[in-house]
Structure formats: C-alpha cells, structure tokens
Amino acid sequence: QLHLTTSEKNELTRCLEMVQNQLQEKESEIKREISEYKDRLLQAEKEHQDALTEATQKNEVEIEACHEKIGSLEHFISSQKLEIEHLKSNKEQLNNSLTEANQALGELLKAKVR
C-alpha cells in the first residue's frame, strides 16, 4: 500500500511539475506578447504624434499664407477705393468744366446771333 501511495505521489508530483512548467511557459509567452503589443502601441502613438505634428505645422504655414493673402487683398481693396474716389472727383471736375463750357458756348451763340 505504501509503495502504491508513493508511486501515486511521485506521479502526481511529476504531473504537477509538468503543469507548472506549462504555466511558466504560457506566462512567458503572454509576457512576451504583452511586451510586443506595448512596443507596437508605442510605435503607433509615435507615428500618430508625428503625423499630428506635421499636419499642425502644415496648417500653421497655410494659415500664415492666408493671413498674408488677406492683408494683401485688404491693401489692394483700399487702394482701389482710393482710385475710385479719385476717379469720381475727376469726373465731377470734368462735369463742372463741361457745364461751364456749355454755358460759355451758349453765351457765345447768343452773342453771335445778336
């Protein structure tokens, strides 16, 4: 009976060691996979951050270019408004001169008729 019990104990010990070894292998495999996933996650985060930084810089450059274009267009509009005012003033002066010339012509024609 003692021999049988000792054999069973030895068999159970051997089985326990085998299960413990399998668990240690599985734990090592899981730790390795976790490490790989962490590395991949860090790489993905770095790539995402790099892309975000690049996009932000590109947008800042485009925004600055737009601000410059807006400033240029505002300057152009301002100069065009001044030109329009200048042309209106010239038109008014020409109309006044034309009116005066027509009046003078009218008076000359009246004088000629007399």
C-alpha atoms as a PDB file:
ATOM      1  CA  GLN A   1       0.000   0.000   0.000  1.00  0.00           C
ATOM      2  CA  LEU A   2       2.849   2.337   0.940  1.00  0.00           C
ATOM      3  CA  HIS A   3       4.612   1.572  -2.327  1.00  0.00           C
ATOM      4  CA  LEU A   4       1.419   2.292  -4.291  1.00  0.00           C
ATOM      5  CA  THR A   5       0.844   5.556  -2.437  1.00  0.00           C
ATOM      6  CA  THR A   6       4.458   6.603  -3.004  1.00  0.00           C
ATOM      7  CA  SER A   7       4.123   5.823  -6.714  1.00  0.00           C
ATOM      8  CA  GLU A   8       0.908   7.857  -6.938  1.00  0.00           C
ATOM      9  CA  LYS A   9       2.605  10.710  -5.069  1.00  0.00           C
ATOM     10  CA  ASN A  10       5.559  10.590  -7.462  1.00  0.00           C
ATOM     11  CA  GLU A  11       3.204  10.536 -10.455  1.00  0.00           C
ATOM     12  CA  LEU A  12       1.206  13.465  -9.040  1.00  0.00           C
ATOM     13  CA  THR A  13       4.428  15.390  -8.332  1.00  0.00           C
ATOM     14  CA  ARG A  14       5.606  14.753 -11.880  1.00  0.00           C
ATOM     15  CA  CYS A  15       2.208  15.906 -13.235  1.00  0.00           C
ATOM     16  CA  LEU A  16       2.306  18.984 -11.006  1.00  0.00           C
ATOM     17  CA  GLU A  17       5.798  19.892 -12.234  1.00  0.00           C
ATOM     18  CA  MET A  18       4.669  19.403 -15.820  1.00  0.00           C
ATOM     19  CA  VAL A  19       1.643  21.663 -15.278  1.00  0.00           C
ATOM     20  CA  GLN A  20       3.838  24.238 -13.508  1.00  0.00           C
ATOM     21  CA  ASN A  21       6.290  24.177 -16.419  1.00  0.00           C
ATOM     22  CA  GLN A  22       3.442  24.627 -18.897  1.00  0.00           C
ATOM     23  CA  LEU A  23       2.098  27.537 -16.831  1.00  0.00           C
ATOM     24  CA  GLN A  24       5.555  29.145 -16.716  1.00  0.00           C
ATOM     25  CA  GLU A  25       5.897  28.759 -20.491  1.00  0.00           C
ATOM     26  CA  LYS A  26       2.433  30.209 -21.014  1.00  0.00           C
ATOM     27  CA  GLU A  27       3.223  33.091 -18.635  1.00  0.00           C
ATOM     28  CA  SER A  28       6.464  33.806 -20.507  1.00  0.00           C
ATOM     29  CA  GLU A  29       4.612  33.709 -23.832  1.00  0.00           C
ATOM     30  CA  ILE A  30       1.914  36.069 -22.531  1.00  0.00           C
ATOM     31  CA  LYS A  31       4.550  38.457 -21.128  1.00  0.00           C
ATOM     32  CA  ARG A  32       6.354  38.427 -24.476  1.00  0.00           C
ATOM     33  CA  GLU A  33       3.091  39.151 -26.319  1.00  0.00           C
ATOM     34  CA  ILE A  34       2.249  41.963 -23.900  1.00  0.00           C
ATOM     35  CA  SER A  35       5.703  43.430 -24.474  1.00  0.00           C
ATOM     36  CA  GLU A  36       5.222  43.212 -28.263  1.00  0.00           C
ATOM     37  CA  TYR A  37       1.787  44.865 -28.011  1.00  0.00           C
ATOM     38  CA  LYS A  38       3.218  47.640 -25.843  1.00  0.00           C
ATOM     39  CA  ASP A  39       6.012  48.210 -28.363  1.00  0.00           C
ATOM     40  CA  ARG A  40       3.516  48.304 -31.230  1.00  0.00           C
ATOM     41  CA  LEU A  41       1.284  50.667 -29.274  1.00  0.00           C
ATOM     42  CA  LEU A  42       4.202  52.993 -28.539  1.00  0.00           C
ATOM     43  CA  GLN A  43       5.214  52.927 -32.214  1.00  0.00           C
ATOM     44  CA  ALA A  44       1.651  53.665 -33.318  1.00  0.00           C
ATOM     45  CA  GLU A  45       1.399  56.519 -30.799  1.00  0.00           C
ATOM     46  CA  LYS A  46       4.707  57.941 -32.025  1.00  0.00           C
ATOM     47  CA  GLU A  47       3.599  57.736 -35.663  1.00  0.00           C
ATOM     48  CA  HIS A  48       0.275  59.347 -34.755  1.00  0.00           C
ATOM     49  CA  GLN A  49       2.016  62.150 -32.858  1.00  0.00           C
ATOM     50  CA  ASP A  50       4.463  62.696 -35.729  1.00  0.00           C
ATOM     51  CA  ALA A  51       1.606  62.879 -38.231  1.00  0.00           C
ATOM     52  CA  LEU A  52      -0.300  65.252 -35.958  1.00  0.00           C
ATOM     53  CA  THR A  53       2.747  67.489 -35.540  1.00  0.00           C
ATOM     54  CA  GLU A  54       3.357  67.528 -39.284  1.00  0.00           C
ATOM     55  CA  ALA A  55      -0.288  68.346 -40.021  1.00  0.00           C
ATOM     56  CA  THR A  56      -0.285  71.097 -37.394  1.00  0.00           C
ATOM     57  CA  GLN A  57       2.854  72.670 -38.853  1.00  0.00           C
ATOM     58  CA  LYS A  58       1.439  72.447 -42.373  1.00  0.00           C
ATOM     59  CA  ASN A  59      -1.805  74.072 -41.223  1.00  0.00           C
ATOM     60  CA  GLU A  60       0.087  76.848 -39.458  1.00  0.00           C
ATOM     61  CA  VAL A  61       2.026  77.572 -42.660  1.00  0.00           C
ATOM     62  CA  GLU A  62      -1.209  77.600 -44.685  1.00  0.00           C
ATOM     63  CA  ILE A  63      -2.912  79.857 -42.125  1.00  0.00           C
ATOM     64  CA  GLU A  64       0.020  82.285 -42.238  1.00  0.00           C
ATOM     65  CA  ALA A  65      -0.117  82.298 -46.054  1.00  0.00           C
ATOM     66  CA  CYS A  66      -3.862  83.005 -45.886  1.00  0.00           C
ATOM     67  CA  HIS A  67      -3.287  85.880 -43.436  1.00  0.00           C
ATOM     68  CA  GLU A  68      -0.699  87.343 -45.775  1.00  0.00           C
ATOM     69  CA  LYS A  69      -3.052  86.998 -48.743  1.00  0.00           C
ATOM     70  CA  ILE A  70      -5.881  88.612 -46.777  1.00  0.00           C
ATOM     71  CA  GLY A  71      -3.569  91.512 -45.853  1.00  0.00           C
ATOM     72  CA  SER A  72      -2.543  91.886 -49.469  1.00  0.00           C
ATOM     73  CA  LEU A  73      -6.161  91.837 -50.652  1.00  0.00           C
ATOM     74  CA  GLU A  74      -7.187  94.366 -48.000  1.00  0.00           C
ATOM     75  CA  HIS A  75      -4.378  96.661 -49.171  1.00  0.00           C
ATOM     76  CA  PHE A  76      -5.464  96.176 -52.792  1.00  0.00           C
ATOM     77  CA  ILE A  77      -9.115  96.935 -51.921  1.00  0.00           C
ATOM     78  CA  SER A  78      -8.062 100.044 -50.029  1.00  0.00           C
ATOM     79  CA  SER A  79      -6.010 101.301 -52.975  1.00  0.00           C
ATOM     80  CA  GLN A  80      -8.894 100.538 -55.350  1.00  0.00           C
ATOM     81  CA  LYS A  81     -11.271 102.546 -53.150  1.00  0.00           C
ATOM     82  CA  LEU A  82      -8.862 105.476 -53.240  1.00  0.00           C
ATOM     83  CA  GLU A  83      -8.628 105.161 -57.022  1.00  0.00           C
ATOM     84  CA  ILE A  84     -12.435 105.124 -57.294  1.00  0.00           C
ATOM     85  CA  GLU A  85     -12.676 108.266 -55.151  1.00  0.00           C
ATOM     86  CA  HIS A  86     -10.020 109.917 -57.300  1.00  0.00           C
ATOM     87  CA  LEU A  87     -11.905 108.989 -60.490  1.00  0.00           C
ATOM     88  CA  LYS A  88     -15.201 110.268 -59.032  1.00  0.00           C
ATOM     89  CA  SER A  89     -13.505 113.556 -58.186  1.00  0.00           C
ATOM     90  CA  ASN A  90     -12.060 113.816 -61.709  1.00  0.00           C
ATOM     91  CA  LYS A  91     -15.469 113.002 -63.194  1.00  0.00           C
ATOM     92  CA  GLU A  92     -17.095 115.742 -61.106  1.00  0.00           C
ATOM     93  CA  GLN A  93     -14.443 118.247 -62.181  1.00  0.00           C
ATOM     94  CA  LEU A  94     -14.901 117.257 -65.826  1.00  0.00           C
ATOM     95  CA  ASN A  95     -18.689 117.559 -65.499  1.00  0.00           C
ATOM     96  CA  ASN A  96     -18.278 121.014 -63.972  1.00  0.00           C
ATOM     97  CA  SER A  97     -15.871 122.028 -66.740  1.00  0.00           C
ATOM     98  CA  LEU A  98     -18.273 120.660 -69.347  1.00  0.00           C
ATOM     99  CA  THR A  99     -21.171 122.584 -67.806  1.00  0.00           C
ATOM    100  CA  GLU A 100     -19.095 125.777 -67.778  1.00  0.00           C
ATOM    101  CA  ALA A 101     -18.005 125.185 -71.388  1.00  0.00           C
ATOM    102  CA  ASN A 102     -21.618 124.593 -72.445  1.00  0.00           C
ATOM    103  CA  GLN A 103     -22.695 127.792 -70.718  1.00  0.00           C
ATOM    104  CA  ALA A 104     -19.885 129.725 -72.375  1.00  0.00           C
ATOM    105  CA  LEU A 105     -20.805 128.203 -75.726  1.00  0.00           C
ATOM    106  CA  GLY A 106     -24.421 129.123 -75.156  1.00  0.00           C
ATOM    107  CA  GLU A 107     -23.456 132.713 -74.383  1.00  0.00           C
ATOM    108  CA  LEU A 108     -21.208 132.852 -77.440  1.00  0.00           C
ATOM    109  CA  LEU A 109     -24.011 131.555 -79.631  1.00  0.00           C
ATOM    110  CA  LYS A 110     -26.396 134.140 -78.173  1.00  0.00           C
ATOM    111  CA  ALA A 111     -23.811 136.862 -78.793  1.00  0.00           C
ATOM    112  CA  LYS A 112     -23.277 135.660 -82.318  1.00  0.00           C
ATOM    113  CA  VAL A 113     -26.984 135.633 -83.046  1.00  0.00           C
ATOM    114  CA  ARG A 114     -27.306 139.294 -81.941  1.00  0.00           C
END
